[in-house]
PDB file of N, CA and C in Angstrom:
ATOM      1  N   UNK A   1       1.003  -0.962  -0.071  1.00  0.00           N
ATOM      2  CA  UNK A   1       0.145  -0.115  -0.494  1.00  0.00           C
ATOM      3  C   UNK A   1       0.883   1.200   0.582  1.00  0.00           C
ATOM      4  N   UNK A   2       0.863   1.710  -1.392  1.00  0.00           N
ATOM      5  CA  UNK A   2       1.824   3.494  -1.205  1.00  0.00           C
ATOM      6  C   UNK A   2       1.433   4.393   0.657  1.00  0.00           C
ATOM      7  N   UNK A   3       2.528   5.094   0.465  1.00  0.00           N
ATOM      8  CA  UNK A   3       2.189   5.823   2.212  1.00  0.00           C
ATOM      9  C   UNK A   3       0.627   7.349   1.676  1.00  0.00           C
ATOM     10  N   UNK A   4      -0.028   7.729   0.871  1.00  0.00           N
ATOM     11  CA  UNK A   4      -0.591   7.882  -0.003  1.00  0.00           C
ATOM     12  C   UNK A   4      -1.942   7.815   1.023  1.00  0.00           C
ATOM     13  N   UNK A   5      -2.176   6.285   0.284  1.00  0.00           N
ATOM     14  CA  UNK A   5      -3.685   5.126   0.578  1.00  0.00           C
ATOM     15  C   UNK A   5      -3.327   5.116   2.662  1.00  0.00           C
ATOM     16  N   UNK A   6      -2.275   4.929   2.304  1.00  0.00           N
ATOM     17  CA  UNK A   6      -2.588   3.927   4.024  1.00  0.00           C
ATOM     18  C   UNK A   6      -2.644   6.043   4.515  1.00  0.00           C
ATOM     19  N   UNK A   7      -2.105   6.874   4.579  1.00  0.00           N
ATOM     20  CA  UNK A   7      -2.901   8.358   5.039  1.00  0.00           C
ATOM     21  C   UNK A   7      -4.012   8.244   4.986  1.00  0.00           C
ATOM     22  N   UNK A   8      -4.759   8.572   3.880  1.00  0.00           N
ATOM     23  CA  UNK A   8      -6.235   8.418   4.023  1.00  0.00           C
ATOM     24  C   UNK A   8      -6.636   7.603   4.473  1.00  0.00           C
ATOM     25  N   UNK A   9      -6.929   6.209   4.185  1.00  0.00           N
ATOM     26  CA  UNK A   9      -7.110   4.649   4.288  1.00  0.00           C
ATOM     27  C   UNK A   9      -7.141   5.320   6.458  1.00  0.00           C
ATOM     28  N   UNK A  10      -6.047   6.660   7.063  1.00  0.00           N
ATOM     29  CA  UNK A  10      -6.240   6.588   8.484  1.00  0.00           C
ATOM     30  C   UNK A  10      -6.543   7.677   8.862  1.00  0.00           C
ATOM     31  N   UNK A  11      -6.417   8.579   7.891  1.00  0.00           N
ATOM     32  CA  UNK A  11      -7.622   9.078   8.443  1.00  0.00           C
ATOM     33  C   UNK A  11      -9.399   9.341   7.855  1.00  0.00           C
ATOM     34  N   UNK A  12      -9.671   8.154   7.266  1.00  0.00           N
ATOM     35  CA  UNK A  12     -10.656   7.911   7.601  1.00  0.00           C
ATOM     36  C   UNK A  12     -11.507   7.492   8.355  1.00  0.00           C
ATOM     37  N   UNK A  13     -10.495   6.351   8.664  1.00  0.00           N
ATOM     38  CA  UNK A  13     -11.237   6.096   9.711  1.00  0.00           C
ATOM     39  C   UNK A  13     -10.740   6.142  11.464  1.00  0.00           C
ATOM     40  N   UNK A  14      -9.273   7.513  11.817  1.00  0.00           N
ATOM     41  CA  UNK A  14     -10.471   8.502  12.228  1.00  0.00           C
ATOM     42  C   UNK A  14     -10.824   9.439  12.582  1.00  0.00           C
ATOM     43  N   UNK A  15     -11.351  10.010  11.111  1.00  0.00           N
ATOM     44  CA  UNK A  15     -13.583  10.742  11.631  1.00  0.00           C
ATOM     45  C   UNK A  15     -14.305   9.543  11.734  1.00  0.00           C
ATOM     46  N   UNK A  16     -14.013   7.972  11.426  1.00  0.00           N
ATOM     47  CA  UNK A  16     -15.530   7.033  11.348  1.00  0.00           C
ATOM     48  C   UNK A  16     -15.391   7.876  13.092  1.00  0.00           C
ATOM     49  N   UNK A  17     -14.589   7.089  13.330  1.00  0.00           N
ATOM     50  CA  UNK A  17     -14.500   7.055  15.291  1.00  0.00           C
ATOM     51  C   UNK A  17     -15.011   7.637  16.193  1.00  0.00           C
ATOM     52  N   UNK A  18     -14.840   8.978  15.904  1.00  0.00           N
ATOM     53  CA  UNK A  18     -14.293  10.308  16.031  1.00  0.00           C
ATOM     54  C   UNK A  18     -16.446  10.657  15.916  1.00  0.00           C
ATOM     55  N   UNK A  19     -16.395  10.254  14.965  1.00  0.00           N
ATOM     56  CA  UNK A  19     -18.337  10.970  14.673  1.00  0.00           C
ATOM     57  C   UNK A  19     -19.294   9.686  15.232  1.00  0.00           C
ATOM     58  N   UNK A  20     -18.530   7.970  15.723  1.00  0.00           N
ATOM     59  CA  UNK A  20     -18.864   7.577  16.185  1.00  0.00           C
ATOM     60  C   UNK A  20     -19.186   8.519  17.705  1.00  0.00           C
ATOM     61  N   UNK A  21     -17.856   8.505  18.444  1.00  0.00           N
ATOM     62  CA  UNK A  21     -17.984   9.091  19.556  1.00  0.00           C
ATOM     63  C   UNK A  21     -18.753   9.735  19.709  1.00  0.00           C
ATOM     64  N   UNK A  22     -18.635  10.744  18.780  1.00  0.00           N
ATOM     65  CA  UNK A  22     -19.765  12.293  19.265  1.00  0.00           C
ATOM     66  C   UNK A  22     -21.060  11.816  20.062  1.00  0.00           C
ATOM     67  N   UNK A  23     -21.783  10.730  18.395  1.00  0.00           N
ATOM     68  CA  UNK A  23     -23.332  10.049  17.990  1.00  0.00           C
ATOM     69  C   UNK A  23     -23.746   9.363  19.338  1.00  0.00           C
ATOM     70  N   UNK A  24     -23.060   9.395  19.816  1.00  0.00           N
ATOM     71  CA  UNK A  24     -22.957   8.315  21.128  1.00  0.00           C
ATOM     72  C   UNK A  24     -22.953   8.949  22.298  1.00  0.00           C
ATOM     73  N   UNK A  25     -22.196  10.364  22.900  1.00  0.00           N
ATOM     74  CA  UNK A  25     -22.379  10.862  23.181  1.00  0.00           C
ATOM     75  C   UNK A  25     -23.631  11.857  23.356  1.00  0.00           C
ATOM     76  N   UNK A  26     -24.230  11.263  21.994  1.00  0.00           N
ATOM     77  CA  UNK A  26     -24.903  13.195  22.000  1.00  0.00           C
ATOM     78  C   UNK A  26     -26.084  12.056  21.901  1.00  0.00           C
ATOM     79  N   UNK A  27     -26.439  10.868  22.006  1.00  0.00           N
ATOM     80  CA  UNK A  27     -27.373   9.665  22.019  1.00  0.00           C
ATOM     81  C   UNK A  27     -27.901   9.331  23.616  1.00  0.00           C
ATOM     82  N   UNK A  28     -26.703   8.852  24.685  1.00  0.00           N
ATOM     83  CA  UNK A  28     -26.230   8.528  24.990  1.00  0.00           C
ATOM     84  C   UNK A  28     -25.638   9.454  26.621  1.00  0.00           C
ATOM     85  N   UNK A  29     -25.470  10.470  26.117  1.00  0.00           N
ATOM     86  CA  UNK A  29     -25.267  11.118  26.926  1.00  0.00           C
ATOM     87  C   UNK A  29     -26.191  11.882  27.935  1.00  0.00           C
ATOM     88  N   UNK A  30     -27.474  12.355  27.843  1.00  0.00           N
ATOM     89  CA  UNK A  30     -28.448  12.450  28.323  1.00  0.00           C
ATOM     90  C   UNK A  30     -29.303  11.329  29.216  1.00  0.00           C
ATOM     91  N   UNK A  31     -29.495  10.285  28.741  1.00  0.00           N
ATOM     92  CA  UNK A  31     -29.364   8.729  29.092  1.00  0.00           C
ATOM     93  C   UNK A  31     -29.021   8.797  30.772  1.00  0.00           C
ATOM     94  N   UNK A  32     -27.306   8.873  31.153  1.00  0.00           N
ATOM     95  CA  UNK A  32     -26.860   8.666  31.536  1.00  0.00           C
ATOM     96  C   UNK A  32     -26.588   9.762  32.596  1.00  0.00           C
ATOM     97  N   UNK A  33     -27.020  10.790  32.594  1.00  0.00           N
ATOM     98  CA  UNK A  33     -27.061  11.707  33.181  1.00  0.00           C
ATOM     99  C   UNK A  33     -29.055  11.191  34.237  1.00  0.00           C
ATOM    100  N   UNK A  34     -29.946  11.448  33.181  1.00  0.00           N
ATOM    101  CA  UNK A  34     -31.197  11.199  34.269  1.00  0.00           C
ATOM    102  C   UNK A  34     -31.017   9.437  35.312  1.00  0.00           C
ATOM    103  N   UNK A  35     -30.172   8.411  34.312  1.00  0.00           N
ATOM    104  CA  UNK A  35     -30.149   7.547  35.313  1.00  0.00           C
ATOM    105  C   UNK A  35     -28.867   7.738  36.874  1.00  0.00           C
ATOM    106  N   UNK A  36     -28.627   8.884  36.819  1.00  0.00           N
ATOM    107  CA  UNK A  36     -27.812   9.362  37.672  1.00  0.00           C
ATOM    108  C   UNK A  36     -28.514  10.281  39.745  1.00  0.00           C
ATOM    109  N   UNK A  37     -29.831  10.465  38.606  1.00  0.00           N
ATOM    110  CA  UNK A  37     -31.122  11.239  40.073  1.00  0.00           C
ATOM    111  C   UNK A  37     -31.764  10.861  40.742  1.00  0.00           C
ATOM    112  N   UNK A  38     -31.985  10.729  41.118  1.00  0.00           N
ATOM    113  CA  UNK A  38     -33.411   9.031  41.615  1.00  0.00           C
ATOM    114  C   UNK A  38     -34.461   9.923  41.664  1.00  0.00           C
ATOM    115  N   UNK A  39     -35.179   9.313  41.514  1.00  0.00           N
ATOM    116  CA  UNK A  39     -37.046  10.641  41.287  1.00  0.00           C
ATOM    117  C   UNK A  39     -37.201  10.133  42.667  1.00  0.00           C
ATOM    118  N   UNK A  40     -38.486  10.705  43.125  1.00  0.00           N
ATOM    119  CA  UNK A  40     -38.846  10.629  44.772  1.00  0.00           C
ATOM    120  C   UNK A  40     -39.402   8.897  45.115  1.00  0.00           C
ATOM    121  N   UNK A  41     -39.852   9.005  44.407  1.00  0.00           N
ATOM    122  CA  UNK A  41     -40.619   7.204  44.069  1.00  0.00           C
ATOM    123  C   UNK A  41     -39.571   6.179  44.349  1.00  0.00           C
ATOM    124  N   UNK A  42     -37.799   6.689  43.750  1.00  0.00           N
ATOM    125  CA  UNK A  42     -37.155   5.700  43.786  1.00  0.00           C
ATOM    126  C   UNK A  42     -36.151   5.314  44.853  1.00  0.00           C
ATOM    127  N   UNK A  43     -36.210   6.796  45.482  1.00  0.00           N
ATOM    128  CA  UNK A  43     -35.067   6.339  46.612  1.00  0.00           C
ATOM    129  C   UNK A  43     -36.538   6.230  47.961  1.00  0.00           C
ATOM    130  N   UNK A  44     -37.293   6.478  48.184  1.00  0.00           N
ATOM    131  CA  UNK A  44     -38.252   5.653  48.995  1.00  0.00           C
ATOM    132  C   UNK A  44     -38.543   3.950  48.471  1.00  0.00           C
ATOM    133  N   UNK A  45     -38.134   4.301  47.369  1.00  0.00           N
ATOM    134  CA  UNK A  45     -38.437   2.208  47.498  1.00  0.00           C
ATOM    135  C   UNK A  45     -36.831   2.300  47.946  1.00  0.00           C
ATOM    136  N   UNK A  46     -35.869   3.149  47.809  1.00  0.00           N
ATOM    137  CA  UNK A  46     -34.759   1.964  48.196  1.00  0.00           C
ATOM    138  C   UNK A  46     -34.410   2.591  49.840  1.00  0.00           C
ATOM    139  N   UNK A  47     -35.018   3.079  50.665  1.00  0.00           N
ATOM    140  CA  UNK A  47     -34.947   2.939  51.407  1.00  0.00           C
ATOM    141  C   UNK A  47     -36.245   2.312  52.678  1.00  0.00           C
ATOM    142  N   UNK A  48     -36.814   1.760  51.278  1.00  0.00           N
ATOM    143  CA  UNK A  48     -37.380   0.944  52.138  1.00  0.00           C
ATOM    144  C   UNK A  48     -37.166  -0.031  52.056  1.00  0.00           C
ATOM    145  N   UNK A  49     -36.013  -1.119  51.161  1.00  0.00           N
ATOM    146  CA  UNK A  49     -35.582  -1.634  51.186  1.00  0.00           C
ATOM    147  C   UNK A  49     -34.593  -2.073  51.734  1.00  0.00           C
ATOM    148  N   UNK A  50     -34.498  -3.353  52.533  1.00  0.00           N
ATOM    149  CA  UNK A  50     -33.115  -4.126  52.807  1.00  0.00           C
ATOM    150  C   UNK A  50     -31.791  -4.267  52.227  1.00  0.00           C
ATOM    151  N   UNK A  51     -30.625  -3.712  52.877  1.00  0.00           N
ATOM    152  CA  UNK A  51     -29.599  -3.465  51.467  1.00  0.00           C
ATOM    153  C   UNK A  51     -29.492  -4.956  51.448  1.00  0.00           C
ATOM    154  N   UNK A  52     -28.707  -5.042  50.179  1.00  0.00           N
ATOM    155  CA  UNK A  52     -28.440  -6.014  49.186  1.00  0.00           C
ATOM    156  C   UNK A  52     -27.550  -7.439  50.282  1.00  0.00           C
ATOM    157  N   UNK A  53     -26.991  -7.000  51.323  1.00  0.00           N
ATOM    158  CA  UNK A  53     -25.222  -7.759  51.960  1.00  0.00           C
ATOM    159  C   UNK A  53     -26.042  -8.232  53.448  1.00  0.00           C
ATOM    160  N   UNK A  54     -27.242  -7.344  53.673  1.00  0.00           N
ATOM    161  CA  UNK A  54     -27.991  -7.819  54.693  1.00  0.00           C
ATOM    162  C   UNK A  54     -27.947  -9.027  55.694  1.00  0.00           C
ATOM    163  N   UNK A  55     -28.037  -9.897  54.497  1.00  0.00           N
ATOM    164  CA  UNK A  55     -27.738 -11.673  54.706  1.00  0.00           C
ATOM    165  C   UNK A  55     -30.164 -11.917  55.007  1.00  0.00           C
ATOM    166  N   UNK A  56     -30.513 -11.321  55.815  1.00  0.00           N
ATOM    167  CA  UNK A  56     -31.378 -11.675  56.027  1.00  0.00           C
ATOM    168  C   UNK A  56     -33.258 -11.003  54.858  1.00  0.00           C
ATOM    169  N   UNK A  57     -34.323 -12.763  55.169  1.00  0.00           N
ATOM    170  CA  UNK A  57     -35.404 -11.560  54.211  1.00  0.00           C
ATOM    171  C   UNK A  57     -35.754 -11.573  54.113  1.00  0.00           C
ATOM    172  N   UNK A  58     -36.816 -10.541  53.340  1.00  0.00           N
ATOM    173  CA  UNK A  58     -37.456  -9.568  54.750  1.00  0.00           C
ATOM    174  C   UNK A  58     -38.032 -10.434  52.762  1.00  0.00           C
ATOM    175  N   UNK A  59     -39.673 -10.297  53.721  1.00  0.00           N
ATOM    176  CA  UNK A  59     -40.731 -10.796  52.457  1.00  0.00           C
ATOM    177  C   UNK A  59     -41.946  -9.356  52.164  1.00  0.00           C
ATOM    178  N   UNK A  60     -42.244  -9.587  51.224  1.00  0.00           N
ATOM    179  CA  UNK A  60     -42.562  -8.908  50.005  1.00  0.00           C
ATOM    180  C   UNK A  60     -44.694  -8.122  50.456  1.00  0.00           C
ATOM    181  N   UNK A  61     -44.597  -7.910  52.093  1.00  0.00           N
ATOM    182  CA  UNK A  61     -46.278  -7.743  52.533  1.00  0.00           C
ATOM    183  C   UNK A  61     -46.978  -6.836  51.442  1.00  0.00           C
ATOM    184  N   UNK A  62     -46.548  -6.547  50.491  1.00  0.00           N
ATOM    185  CA  UNK A  62     -47.863  -6.245  49.812  1.00  0.00           C
ATOM    186  C   UNK A  62     -49.210  -5.586  48.992  1.00  0.00           C
ATOM    187  N   UNK A  63     -50.247  -5.621  49.495  1.00  0.00           N
ATOM    188  CA  UNK A  63     -51.284  -5.867  48.983  1.00  0.00           C
ATOM    189  C   UNK A  63     -51.031  -6.827  48.250  1.00  0.00           C
ATOM    190  N   UNK A  64     -52.000  -6.010  47.087  1.00  0.00           N
ATOM    191  CA  UNK A  64     -51.048  -6.921  46.059  1.00  0.00           C
ATOM    192  C   UNK A  64     -50.397  -8.122  45.650  1.00  0.00           C
ATOM    193  N   UNK A  65     -49.710  -7.985  45.872  1.00  0.00           N
ATOM    194  CA  UNK A  65     -48.611  -8.643  45.658  1.00  0.00           C
ATOM    195  C   UNK A  65     -48.754 -10.541  46.590  1.00  0.00           C
ATOM    196  N   UNK A  66     -49.518 -10.254  47.676  1.00  0.00           N
ATOM    197  CA  UNK A  66     -49.855 -11.185  48.559  1.00  0.00           C
ATOM    198  C   UNK A  66     -51.110 -11.890  48.516  1.00  0.00           C
ATOM    199  N   UNK A  67     -52.348 -10.949  47.621  1.00  0.00           N
ATOM    200  CA  UNK A  67     -53.185 -12.252  46.947  1.00  0.00           C
ATOM    201  C   UNK A  67     -53.381 -12.421  45.709  1.00  0.00           C
ATOM    202  N   UNK A  68     -51.610 -13.190  45.232  1.00  0.00           N
ATOM    203  CA  UNK A  68     -51.643 -13.657  44.273  1.00  0.00           C
ATOM    204  C   UNK A  68     -50.759 -14.808  44.601  1.00  0.00           C
ATOM    205  N   UNK A  69     -50.468 -15.250  46.080  1.00  0.00           N
ATOM    206  CA  UNK A  69     -49.796 -16.163  46.723  1.00  0.00           C
ATOM    207  C   UNK A  69     -50.611 -17.276  46.929  1.00  0.00           C
ATOM    208  N   UNK A  70     -49.340 -18.586  46.480  1.00  0.00           N
ATOM    209  CA  UNK A  70     -49.875 -19.730  47.356  1.00  0.00           C
ATOM    210  C   UNK A  70     -50.109 -19.522  48.798  1.00  0.00           C
ATOM    211  N   UNK A  71     -50.709 -20.786  49.572  1.00  0.00           N
ATOM    212  CA  UNK A  71     -50.669 -20.704  51.405  1.00  0.00           C
ATOM    213  C   UNK A  71     -48.996 -21.477  52.030  1.00  0.00           C
ATOM    214  N   UNK A  72     -48.657 -22.220  50.430  1.00  0.00           N
ATOM    215  CA  UNK A  72     -46.782 -22.973  51.350  1.00  0.00           C
ATOM    216  C   UNK A  72     -45.631 -21.194  50.503  1.00  0.00           C
ATOM    217  N   UNK A  73     -46.200 -20.629  50.008  1.00  0.00           N
ATOM    218  CA  UNK A  73     -45.200 -18.948  49.780  1.00  0.00           C
ATOM    219  C   UNK A  73     -45.150 -18.947  50.385  1.00  0.00           C
ATOM    220  N   UNK A  74     -46.223 -17.967  51.175  1.00  0.00           N
ATOM    221  CA  UNK A  74     -46.509 -16.843  52.544  1.00  0.00           C
ATOM    222  C   UNK A  74     -45.977 -18.063  53.805  1.00  0.00           C
ATOM    223  N   UNK A  75     -46.149 -18.711  53.901  1.00  0.00           N
ATOM    224  CA  UNK A  75     -45.801 -19.537  55.112  1.00  0.00           C
ATOM    225  C   UNK A  75     -44.354 -19.938  55.295  1.00  0.00           C
ATOM    226  N   UNK A  76     -43.407 -20.306  53.639  1.00  0.00           N
ATOM    227  CA  UNK A  76     -42.455 -20.015  54.475  1.00  0.00           C
ATOM    228  C   UNK A  76     -42.047 -18.289  54.354  1.00  0.00           C
ATOM    229  N   UNK A  77     -42.192 -17.687  53.863  1.00  0.00           N
ATOM    230  CA  UNK A  77     -42.283 -16.235  54.342  1.00  0.00           C
ATOM    231  C   UNK A  77     -42.064 -15.373  55.462  1.00  0.00           C
ATOM    232  N   UNK A  78     -43.412 -15.905  55.914  1.00  0.00           N
ATOM    233  CA  UNK A  78     -43.891 -15.619  57.699  1.00  0.00           C
ATOM    234  C   UNK A  78     -42.811 -16.613  58.587  1.00  0.00           C
ATOM    235  N   UNK A  79     -42.098 -17.913  58.232  1.00  0.00           N
ATOM    236  CA  UNK A  79     -41.279 -18.833  59.144  1.00  0.00           C
ATOM    237  C   UNK A  79     -40.140 -17.425  58.418  1.00  0.00           C
ATOM    238  N   UNK A  80     -39.533 -16.346  57.871  1.00  0.00           N
ATOM    239  CA  UNK A  80     -38.109 -16.293  58.019  1.00  0.00           C
ATOM    240  C   UNK A  80     -37.350 -17.140  56.356  1.00  0.00           C
ATOM    241  N   UNK A  81     -37.516 -17.649  55.719  1.00  0.00           N
ATOM    242  CA  UNK A  81     -37.615 -17.960  54.342  1.00  0.00           C
ATOM    243  C   UNK A  81     -37.444 -18.209  53.245  1.00  0.00           C
ATOM    244  N   UNK A  82     -36.745 -17.835  52.906  1.00  0.00           N
ATOM    245  CA  UNK A  82     -37.043 -17.794  51.178  1.00  0.00           C
ATOM    246  C   UNK A  82     -37.690 -18.558  49.827  1.00  0.00           C
ATOM    247  N   UNK A  83     -38.170 -18.231  49.982  1.00  0.00           N
ATOM    248  CA  UNK A  83     -40.524 -18.419  48.981  1.00  0.00           C
ATOM    249  C   UNK A  83     -38.754 -19.683  48.163  1.00  0.00           C
ATOM    250  N   UNK A  84     -39.304 -21.234  48.842  1.00  0.00           N
ATOM    251  CA  UNK A  84     -39.120 -21.930  47.357  1.00  0.00           C
ATOM    252  C   UNK A  84     -40.107 -21.925  45.926  1.00  0.00           C
ATOM    253  N   UNK A  85     -41.161 -22.075  47.016  1.00  0.00           N
ATOM    254  CA  UNK A  85     -42.602 -22.671  45.301  1.00  0.00           C
ATOM    255  C   UNK A  85     -43.693 -21.028  45.092  1.00  0.00           C
ATOM    256  N   UNK A  86     -43.726 -21.227  43.982  1.00  0.00           N
ATOM    257  CA  UNK A  86     -44.319 -20.282  43.354  1.00  0.00           C
ATOM    258  C   UNK A  86     -45.671 -19.866  44.893  1.00  0.00           C
TER     259      UNK A  86
END
């Protein structure tokens, strides 16, 4: 490959990388910024749930969730066990 062609190909590759980066930042930039700011509902749900590393099981006692549970699952939750039945 002659030197002029090599420079042209290198410039085309660099230009496409730069263009792709600008387009990606324009598309993903607002999405990343909005994901970093929690809403009031998200903050309340996070505060109410136990931490992931606490090691204790906390059952979901929401009324709509409880309506669809089987008796066996509810018994496991009441015993403090992680449910294994649907």
